[in-house]
N, C-alpha and C. Protein backbone atom coordinates (compact mmCIF):
# COMPACT_ATOMS: atom_id res chain seq x y z
N UNK A 1 30.66 -0.13 -13.64
CA UNK A 1 29.48 -0.96 -13.72
C UNK A 1 29.00 -1.11 -15.16
N UNK A 2 29.05 0.01 -15.91
CA UNK A 2 28.63 -0.04 -17.31
C UNK A 2 29.58 -0.91 -18.12
N UNK A 3 30.85 -0.92 -17.72
CA UNK A 3 31.85 -1.74 -18.42
C UNK A 3 31.52 -3.22 -18.27
N UNK A 4 31.16 -3.64 -17.08
CA UNK A 4 30.78 -5.03 -16.85
C UNK A 4 29.54 -5.40 -17.64
N UNK A 5 28.59 -4.48 -17.72
CA UNK A 5 27.37 -4.72 -18.48
C UNK A 5 27.66 -4.88 -19.97
N UNK A 6 28.55 -4.06 -20.50
CA UNK A 6 28.94 -4.17 -21.91
C UNK A 6 29.63 -5.49 -22.18
N UNK A 7 30.55 -5.88 -21.29
CA UNK A 7 31.26 -7.15 -21.46
C UNK A 7 30.30 -8.33 -21.40
N UNK A 8 29.39 -8.32 -20.43
CA UNK A 8 28.42 -9.40 -20.32
C UNK A 8 27.47 -9.45 -21.52
N UNK A 9 27.11 -8.28 -22.04
CA UNK A 9 26.27 -8.24 -23.23
C UNK A 9 26.99 -8.86 -24.43
N UNK A 10 28.26 -8.52 -24.60
CA UNK A 10 29.03 -9.10 -25.69
C UNK A 10 29.15 -10.61 -25.53
N UNK A 11 29.40 -11.07 -24.31
CA UNK A 11 29.50 -12.51 -24.09
C UNK A 11 28.18 -13.22 -24.38
N UNK A 12 27.07 -12.59 -24.01
CA UNK A 12 25.76 -13.19 -24.30
C UNK A 12 25.51 -13.24 -25.81
N UNK A 13 25.89 -12.19 -26.52
CA UNK A 13 25.73 -12.18 -27.98
C UNK A 13 26.62 -13.23 -28.64
N UNK A 14 27.83 -13.40 -28.13
CA UNK A 14 28.75 -14.40 -28.68
C UNK A 14 28.18 -15.80 -28.46
N UNK A 15 27.69 -16.07 -27.26
CA UNK A 15 27.10 -17.38 -26.99
C UNK A 15 25.82 -17.61 -27.81
N UNK A 16 25.03 -16.57 -27.96
CA UNK A 16 23.82 -16.68 -28.77
C UNK A 16 24.14 -17.01 -30.22
N UNK A 17 25.16 -16.37 -30.75
CA UNK A 17 25.57 -16.66 -32.13
C UNK A 17 26.13 -18.07 -32.25
N UNK A 18 26.86 -18.51 -31.26
CA UNK A 18 27.42 -19.86 -31.28
C UNK A 18 26.31 -20.92 -31.26
N UNK A 19 25.34 -20.75 -30.39
CA UNK A 19 24.25 -21.71 -30.32
C UNK A 19 23.32 -21.61 -31.53
N UNK A 20 23.23 -20.43 -32.11
CA UNK A 20 22.47 -20.29 -33.35
C UNK A 20 23.13 -21.10 -34.47
N UNK A 21 24.45 -21.03 -34.56
CA UNK A 21 25.18 -21.81 -35.56
C UNK A 21 25.02 -23.31 -35.30
N UNK A 22 25.04 -23.70 -34.03
CA UNK A 22 24.85 -25.11 -33.69
C UNK A 22 23.46 -25.59 -34.09
N UNK A 23 22.45 -24.78 -33.84
CA UNK A 23 21.09 -25.13 -34.23
C UNK A 23 20.98 -25.26 -35.75
N UNK A 24 21.55 -24.29 -36.47
CA UNK A 24 21.50 -24.33 -37.92
C UNK A 24 22.27 -25.51 -38.49
N UNK A 25 23.32 -25.91 -37.81
CA UNK A 25 24.12 -27.02 -38.28
C UNK A 25 23.34 -28.33 -38.21
N UNK A 26 22.56 -28.51 -37.16
CA UNK A 26 21.83 -29.75 -36.98
C UNK A 26 20.43 -29.74 -37.58
N UNK A 27 19.99 -28.59 -38.05
CA UNK A 27 18.68 -28.49 -38.66
C UNK A 27 18.72 -29.17 -40.04
N UNK A 28 17.74 -29.97 -40.32
CA UNK A 28 17.70 -30.74 -41.56
C UNK A 28 17.41 -29.82 -42.76
N UNK A 29 18.21 -29.98 -43.81
CA UNK A 29 17.98 -29.26 -45.06
C UNK A 29 18.32 -27.78 -45.01
N UNK A 30 19.06 -27.36 -44.02
CA UNK A 30 19.40 -25.94 -43.89
C UNK A 30 20.64 -25.63 -44.73
N UNK A 31 20.67 -24.43 -45.27
CA UNK A 31 21.80 -23.98 -46.08
C UNK A 31 23.02 -23.74 -45.18
N UNK A 32 24.16 -24.25 -45.59
CA UNK A 32 25.38 -24.16 -44.78
C UNK A 32 25.95 -22.74 -44.75
N UNK A 33 25.53 -21.89 -45.68
CA UNK A 33 26.03 -20.51 -45.65
C UNK A 33 25.50 -19.76 -44.42
N UNK A 34 24.33 -20.15 -43.93
CA UNK A 34 23.80 -19.53 -42.72
C UNK A 34 24.64 -19.91 -41.50
N UNK A 35 25.13 -21.14 -41.48
CA UNK A 35 26.01 -21.59 -40.40
C UNK A 35 27.31 -20.79 -40.44
N UNK A 36 27.87 -20.65 -41.63
CA UNK A 36 29.11 -19.89 -41.78
C UNK A 36 28.92 -18.43 -41.40
N UNK A 37 27.76 -17.87 -41.74
CA UNK A 37 27.48 -16.47 -41.39
C UNK A 37 27.36 -16.31 -39.88
N UNK A 38 26.71 -17.25 -39.21
CA UNK A 38 26.57 -17.18 -37.74
C UNK A 38 27.93 -17.31 -37.06
N UNK A 39 28.79 -18.18 -37.58
CA UNK A 39 30.13 -18.31 -37.01
C UNK A 39 30.99 -17.09 -37.29
N UNK A 40 30.79 -16.46 -38.45
CA UNK A 40 31.50 -15.23 -38.77
C UNK A 40 31.10 -14.11 -37.82
N UNK A 41 29.81 -14.05 -37.51
CA UNK A 41 29.34 -13.05 -36.54
C UNK A 41 29.96 -13.30 -35.18
N UNK A 42 30.05 -14.57 -34.77
CA UNK A 42 30.65 -14.91 -33.48
C UNK A 42 32.11 -14.49 -33.43
N UNK A 43 32.86 -14.78 -34.48
CA UNK A 43 34.27 -14.42 -34.51
C UNK A 43 34.44 -12.90 -34.51
N UNK A 44 33.61 -12.20 -35.27
CA UNK A 44 33.68 -10.74 -35.31
C UNK A 44 33.38 -10.13 -33.94
N UNK A 45 32.36 -10.64 -33.27
CA UNK A 45 32.05 -10.14 -31.93
C UNK A 45 33.17 -10.44 -30.94
N UNK A 46 33.79 -11.60 -31.05
CA UNK A 46 34.90 -11.95 -30.16
C UNK A 46 36.08 -11.02 -30.38
N UNK A 47 36.41 -10.75 -31.64
CA UNK A 47 37.52 -9.85 -31.93
C UNK A 47 37.22 -8.43 -31.46
N UNK A 48 35.98 -7.98 -31.66
CA UNK A 48 35.61 -6.64 -31.21
C UNK A 48 35.69 -6.54 -29.69
N UNK A 49 35.23 -7.57 -28.99
CA UNK A 49 35.33 -7.57 -27.52
C UNK A 49 36.78 -7.53 -27.09
N UNK A 50 37.64 -8.30 -27.76
CA UNK A 50 39.07 -8.30 -27.42
C UNK A 50 39.68 -6.92 -27.62
N UNK A 51 39.36 -6.27 -28.73
CA UNK A 51 39.89 -4.93 -29.00
C UNK A 51 39.36 -3.94 -27.97
N UNK A 52 38.09 -4.04 -27.62
CA UNK A 52 37.54 -3.14 -26.61
C UNK A 52 38.17 -3.36 -25.23
N UNK A 53 38.48 -4.60 -24.88
CA UNK A 53 39.15 -4.88 -23.61
C UNK A 53 40.56 -4.29 -23.59
N UNK A 54 41.29 -4.46 -24.68
CA UNK A 54 42.64 -3.90 -24.76
C UNK A 54 42.58 -2.38 -24.68
N UNK A 55 41.63 -1.76 -25.39
CA UNK A 55 41.47 -0.31 -25.34
C UNK A 55 41.07 0.15 -23.94
N UNK A 56 40.23 -0.63 -23.28
CA UNK A 56 39.82 -0.28 -21.92
C UNK A 56 40.99 -0.30 -20.94
N UNK A 57 41.86 -1.28 -21.08
CA UNK A 57 43.07 -1.31 -20.24
C UNK A 57 44.00 -0.15 -20.57
N UNK A 58 44.16 0.13 -21.85
CA UNK A 58 45.08 1.19 -22.28
C UNK A 58 44.63 2.56 -21.80
N UNK A 59 43.33 2.84 -21.91
CA UNK A 59 42.82 4.15 -21.52
C UNK A 59 42.42 4.23 -20.05
N UNK A 60 42.57 3.17 -19.29
CA UNK A 60 42.31 3.20 -17.86
C UNK A 60 40.86 3.01 -17.47
N UNK A 61 40.01 2.64 -18.41
CA UNK A 61 38.61 2.39 -18.08
C UNK A 61 38.50 1.12 -17.25
N UNK A 62 39.33 0.12 -17.59
CA UNK A 62 39.40 -1.12 -16.83
C UNK A 62 40.70 -1.10 -16.06
N UNK A 63 40.65 -0.97 -14.74
CA UNK A 63 41.90 -0.87 -13.97
C UNK A 63 42.62 -2.23 -13.88
N UNK A 64 43.93 -2.15 -13.84
CA UNK A 64 44.74 -3.37 -13.66
C UNK A 64 44.65 -3.81 -12.21
N UNK A 65 44.58 -5.11 -11.98
CA UNK A 65 44.48 -5.65 -10.64
C UNK A 65 45.86 -6.12 -10.16
N UNK A 66 46.05 -6.12 -8.86
CA UNK A 66 47.29 -6.63 -8.30
C UNK A 66 48.24 -5.53 -7.88
N UNK A 67 49.32 -5.95 -7.22
CA UNK A 67 50.34 -5.00 -6.76
C UNK A 67 51.46 -4.95 -7.78
N UNK A 68 51.77 -3.77 -8.22
CA UNK A 68 52.85 -3.57 -9.17
C UNK A 68 53.91 -2.69 -8.52
N UNK A 69 54.86 -3.31 -7.90
CA UNK A 69 55.91 -2.48 -7.34
C UNK A 69 56.31 -2.91 -6.04
């Protein structure tokens, strides 16, 4: 249950960063470095989530689904 909560939290943070970058992109007179920083945060969170998912499968925290055998 805690694993699902962590994954959903990461997804919410990723979406929040994405929409923050979109808002900053369309805001008049805004510095473009803030947009780049928001997108960098989104990419970093996505990579961290991917690494955590792979580690979760490897260590058995996230069980594999389906019949194997």
